[in-house]
Amino acid sequence: MPKVRSAVLSLKHDTVKEMVTVRVDTRVYFTNHEVTSMKNGLVMKMNCNVWGDDPSKDDLLFHLCTQAIGGKKATNNWTPTYEATVPDYMLNEDPQGNQEDEVYAKVTIRNTYTGIQSSRTSNVVTIDL
């Protein structure tokens, strides 16, 4: 089963342009069998979403990416980085609350043949919007 070993979220806020660069660095491990299977046509799908951390129910803020993984260059350790610059209001997970917003990323990888998946949530980052 593929395993997401780490997911690290970082945010860079440009207050003048009111934009935030969202970056998620990940580490994924594949077994030797999975690597061989990917080199022979198996596809894994990676999804990365950014969530607002709330005490009651977390809110999906936006979808950062979906990526298909496979092919002849497949390896046991894969370290993709996902990055996007978005308007800062997209990270406002609590518009009626205080000015600080807590966000995290959730990375999920799924074997498209078996449906088995592995997920990892990143660190929670507080941003003052």
C-alpha atoms as a PDB file:
ATOM      1  CA  MET A   1       0.000   0.000   0.000  1.00  0.00           C
ATOM      2  CA  PRO A   2       1.368   3.456  -0.837  1.00  0.00           C
ATOM      3  CA  LYS A   3       2.098   5.512   2.252  1.00  0.00           C
ATOM      4  CA  VAL A   4       2.137   9.283   2.644  1.00  0.00           C
ATOM      5  CA  ARG A   5       4.995   9.707   5.097  1.00  0.00           C
ATOM      6  CA  SER A   6       4.873  13.473   5.522  1.00  0.00           C
ATOM      7  CA  ALA A   7       3.027  16.591   4.484  1.00  0.00           C
ATOM      8  CA  VAL A   8       4.345  20.014   5.474  1.00  0.00           C
ATOM      9  CA  LEU A   9       2.311  23.161   4.833  1.00  0.00           C
ATOM     10  CA  SER A  10       3.844  26.624   4.570  1.00  0.00           C
ATOM     11  CA  LEU A  11       2.152  29.935   3.800  1.00  0.00           C
ATOM     12  CA  LYS A  12       3.652  33.185   2.558  1.00  0.00           C
ATOM     13  CA  HIS A  13       1.288  36.148   2.854  1.00  0.00           C
ATOM     14  CA  ASP A  14       1.713  39.195   0.614  1.00  0.00           C
ATOM     15  CA  THR A  15      -0.384  41.743   2.507  1.00  0.00           C
ATOM     16  CA  VAL A  16       0.007  44.410  -0.196  1.00  0.00           C
ATOM     17  CA  LYS A  17      -1.402  42.209  -2.971  1.00  0.00           C
ATOM     18  CA  GLU A  18      -3.666  40.323  -0.537  1.00  0.00           C
ATOM     19  CA  MET A  19      -2.362  37.008  -1.892  1.00  0.00           C
ATOM     20  CA  VAL A  20      -1.020  33.908  -0.146  1.00  0.00           C
ATOM     21  CA  THR A  21       1.430  31.406  -1.584  1.00  0.00           C
ATOM     22  CA  VAL A  22       0.396  27.980  -0.321  1.00  0.00           C
ATOM     23  CA  ARG A  23       3.059  25.276  -0.456  1.00  0.00           C
ATOM     24  CA  VAL A  24       2.790  21.625   0.534  1.00  0.00           C
ATOM     25  CA  ASP A  25       5.919  19.470   0.587  1.00  0.00           C
ATOM     26  CA  THR A  26       5.201  15.746   0.728  1.00  0.00           C
ATOM     27  CA  ARG A  27       7.002  12.418   0.969  1.00  0.00           C
ATOM     28  CA  VAL A  28       5.389   9.257  -0.364  1.00  0.00           C
ATOM     29  CA  TYR A  29       6.687   5.702  -0.152  1.00  0.00           C
ATOM     30  CA  PHE A  30       5.843   2.917  -2.602  1.00  0.00           C
ATOM     31  CA  THR A  31       6.685  -0.763  -2.129  1.00  0.00           C
ATOM     32  CA  ASN A  32       8.899  -2.529  -4.679  1.00  0.00           C
ATOM     33  CA  HIS A  33       5.809  -4.338  -5.986  1.00  0.00           C
ATOM     34  CA  GLU A  34       3.979  -1.017  -6.464  1.00  0.00           C
ATOM     35  CA  VAL A  35       6.961   0.503  -8.284  1.00  0.00           C
ATOM     36  CA  THR A  36       7.134  -2.484 -10.642  1.00  0.00           C
ATOM     37  CA  SER A  37       3.366  -2.286 -11.185  1.00  0.00           C
ATOM     38  CA  MET A  38       3.533   1.464 -11.889  1.00  0.00           C
ATOM     39  CA  LYS A  39       6.298   0.887 -14.422  1.00  0.00           C
ATOM     40  CA  ASN A  40       3.911  -1.584 -16.089  1.00  0.00           C
ATOM     41  CA  GLY A  41       0.837   0.638 -16.187  1.00  0.00           C
ATOM     42  CA  LEU A  42      -0.565   0.978 -12.662  1.00  0.00           C
ATOM     43  CA  VAL A  43      -1.580   4.551 -11.869  1.00  0.00           C
ATOM     44  CA  MET A  44      -1.722   6.135  -8.420  1.00  0.00           C
ATOM     45  CA  LYS A  45      -3.727   9.339  -7.861  1.00  0.00           C
ATOM     46  CA  MET A  46      -2.580  12.019  -5.431  1.00  0.00           C
ATOM     47  CA  ASN A  47      -4.982  14.676  -4.149  1.00  0.00           C
ATOM     48  CA  CYS A  48      -4.085  17.669  -2.020  1.00  0.00           C
ATOM     49  CA  ASN A  49      -6.728  19.850  -0.357  1.00  0.00           C
ATOM     50  CA  VAL A  50      -6.462  22.808   2.006  1.00  0.00           C
ATOM     51  CA  TRP A  51      -8.781  22.796   5.020  1.00  0.00           C
ATOM     52  CA  GLY A  52      -9.829  25.262   7.708  1.00  0.00           C
ATOM     53  CA  ASP A  53      -9.248  23.871  11.209  1.00  0.00           C
ATOM     54  CA  ASP A  54     -12.411  24.404  13.276  1.00  0.00           C
ATOM     55  CA  PRO A  55     -13.362  23.016  16.703  1.00  0.00           C
ATOM     56  CA  SER A  56     -16.636  21.537  15.452  1.00  0.00           C
ATOM     57  CA  LYS A  57     -16.285  20.698  11.739  1.00  0.00           C
ATOM     58  CA  ASP A  58     -13.369  21.434   9.436  1.00  0.00           C
ATOM     59  CA  ASP A  59     -14.124  23.287   6.194  1.00  0.00           C
ATOM     60  CA  LEU A  60     -12.702  22.461   2.783  1.00  0.00           C
ATOM     61  CA  LEU A  61     -11.204  25.780   1.650  1.00  0.00           C
ATOM     62  CA  PHE A  62      -9.927  24.724  -1.782  1.00  0.00           C
ATOM     63  CA  HIS A  63      -8.528  21.878  -3.857  1.00  0.00           C
ATOM     64  CA  LEU A  64      -4.817  22.429  -4.484  1.00  0.00           C
ATOM     65  CA  CYS A  65      -4.119  19.617  -6.958  1.00  0.00           C
ATOM     66  CA  THR A  66      -4.716  16.163  -8.363  1.00  0.00           C
ATOM     67  CA  GLN A  67      -1.815  14.296  -9.896  1.00  0.00           C
ATOM     68  CA  ALA A  68      -1.502  10.901 -11.579  1.00  0.00           C
ATOM     69  CA  ILE A  69       1.663   8.983 -10.691  1.00  0.00           C
ATOM     70  CA  GLY A  70       3.138   6.089 -12.614  1.00  0.00           C
ATOM     71  CA  GLY A  71       5.265   5.239 -15.589  1.00  0.00           C
ATOM     72  CA  LYS A  72       8.831   4.182 -16.239  1.00  0.00           C
ATOM     73  CA  LYS A  73      10.349   6.736 -13.808  1.00  0.00           C
ATOM     74  CA  ALA A  74       8.491   5.405 -10.745  1.00  0.00           C
ATOM     75  CA  THR A  75      10.647   5.060  -7.608  1.00  0.00           C
ATOM     76  CA  ASN A  76      10.144   3.937  -4.004  1.00  0.00           C
ATOM     77  CA  ASN A  77      10.447   7.448  -2.589  1.00  0.00           C
ATOM     78  CA  TRP A  78       8.635  10.324  -4.209  1.00  0.00           C
ATOM     79  CA  THR A  79       8.783  13.911  -2.935  1.00  0.00           C
ATOM     80  CA  PRO A  80       6.328  16.144  -4.792  1.00  0.00           C
ATOM     81  CA  THR A  81       5.758  19.775  -3.912  1.00  0.00           C
ATOM     82  CA  TYR A  82       2.469  21.490  -4.638  1.00  0.00           C
ATOM     83  CA  GLU A  83       2.242  25.264  -4.726  1.00  0.00           C
ATOM     84  CA  ALA A  84      -0.344  27.855  -5.671  1.00  0.00           C
ATOM     85  CA  THR A  85      -0.839  31.547  -5.048  1.00  0.00           C
ATOM     86  CA  VAL A  86      -4.421  32.371  -4.104  1.00  0.00           C
ATOM     87  CA  PRO A  87      -6.341  35.430  -2.878  1.00  0.00           C
ATOM     88  CA  ASP A  88      -6.045  35.598   0.902  1.00  0.00           C
ATOM     89  CA  TYR A  89      -9.824  35.487   1.377  1.00  0.00           C
ATOM     90  CA  MET A  90      -9.695  31.832   0.259  1.00  0.00           C
ATOM     91  CA  LEU A  91      -7.938  30.980   3.534  1.00  0.00           C
ATOM     92  CA  ASN A  92     -10.459  32.826   5.692  1.00  0.00           C
ATOM     93  CA  GLU A  93     -11.912  29.783   7.421  1.00  0.00           C
ATOM     94  CA  ASP A  94     -13.865  31.746  10.015  1.00  0.00           C
ATOM     95  CA  PRO A  95     -15.227  34.988   8.507  1.00  0.00           C
ATOM     96  CA  GLN A  96     -17.368  35.764  11.560  1.00  0.00           C
ATOM     97  CA  GLY A  97     -14.642  34.949  14.078  1.00  0.00           C
ATOM     98  CA  ASN A  98     -11.341  36.520  14.973  1.00  0.00           C
ATOM     99  CA  GLN A  99      -8.753  37.576  12.399  1.00  0.00           C
ATOM    100  CA  GLU A 100      -6.539  34.520  12.863  1.00  0.00           C
ATOM    101  CA  ASP A 101      -7.256  31.545  10.637  1.00  0.00           C
ATOM    102  CA  GLU A 102      -5.900  28.044  11.170  1.00  0.00           C
ATOM    103  CA  VAL A 103      -5.379  25.958   8.056  1.00  0.00           C
ATOM    104  CA  TYR A 104      -3.853  22.617   7.145  1.00  0.00           C
ATOM    105  CA  ALA A 105      -3.415  20.431   4.081  1.00  0.00           C
ATOM    106  CA  LYS A 106      -4.634  16.883   3.614  1.00  0.00           C
ATOM    107  CA  VAL A 107      -2.797  14.704   1.121  1.00  0.00           C
ATOM    108  CA  THR A 108      -4.322  11.434  -0.084  1.00  0.00           C
ATOM    109  CA  ILE A 109      -2.828   8.874  -2.444  1.00  0.00           C
ATOM    110  CA  ARG A 110      -4.997   6.146  -3.962  1.00  0.00           C
ATOM    111  CA  ASN A 111      -4.175   2.986  -5.860  1.00  0.00           C
ATOM    112  CA  THR A 112      -6.549   3.237  -8.834  1.00  0.00           C
ATOM    113  CA  TYR A 113      -6.663  -0.544  -9.252  1.00  0.00           C
ATOM    114  CA  THR A 114      -7.373  -1.651  -5.662  1.00  0.00           C
ATOM    115  CA  GLY A 115      -8.899   1.568  -4.337  1.00  0.00           C
ATOM    116  CA  ILE A 116      -6.650   1.387  -1.267  1.00  0.00           C
ATOM    117  CA  GLN A 117      -5.561   4.806  -0.103  1.00  0.00           C
ATOM    118  CA  SER A 118      -3.329   6.503   2.414  1.00  0.00           C
ATOM    119  CA  SER A 119      -3.767  10.005   3.827  1.00  0.00           C
ATOM    120  CA  ARG A 120      -1.795  12.414   5.935  1.00  0.00           C
ATOM    121  CA  THR A 121      -2.671  15.791   7.358  1.00  0.00           C
ATOM    122  CA  SER A 122      -0.028  18.476   7.557  1.00  0.00           C
ATOM    123  CA  ASN A 123       0.892  20.769  10.360  1.00  0.00           C
ATOM    124  CA  VAL A 124      -1.665  23.481  11.214  1.00  0.00           C
ATOM    125  CA  VAL A 125      -0.539  26.977  10.228  1.00  0.00           C
ATOM    126  CA  THR A 126      -2.072  30.126  11.700  1.00  0.00           C
ATOM    127  CA  ILE A 127      -2.361  33.133   9.436  1.00  0.00           C
ATOM    128  CA  ASP A 128      -3.580  36.585  10.415  1.00  0.00           C
ATOM    129  CA  LEU A 129      -5.985  37.803   7.755  1.00  0.00           C
END
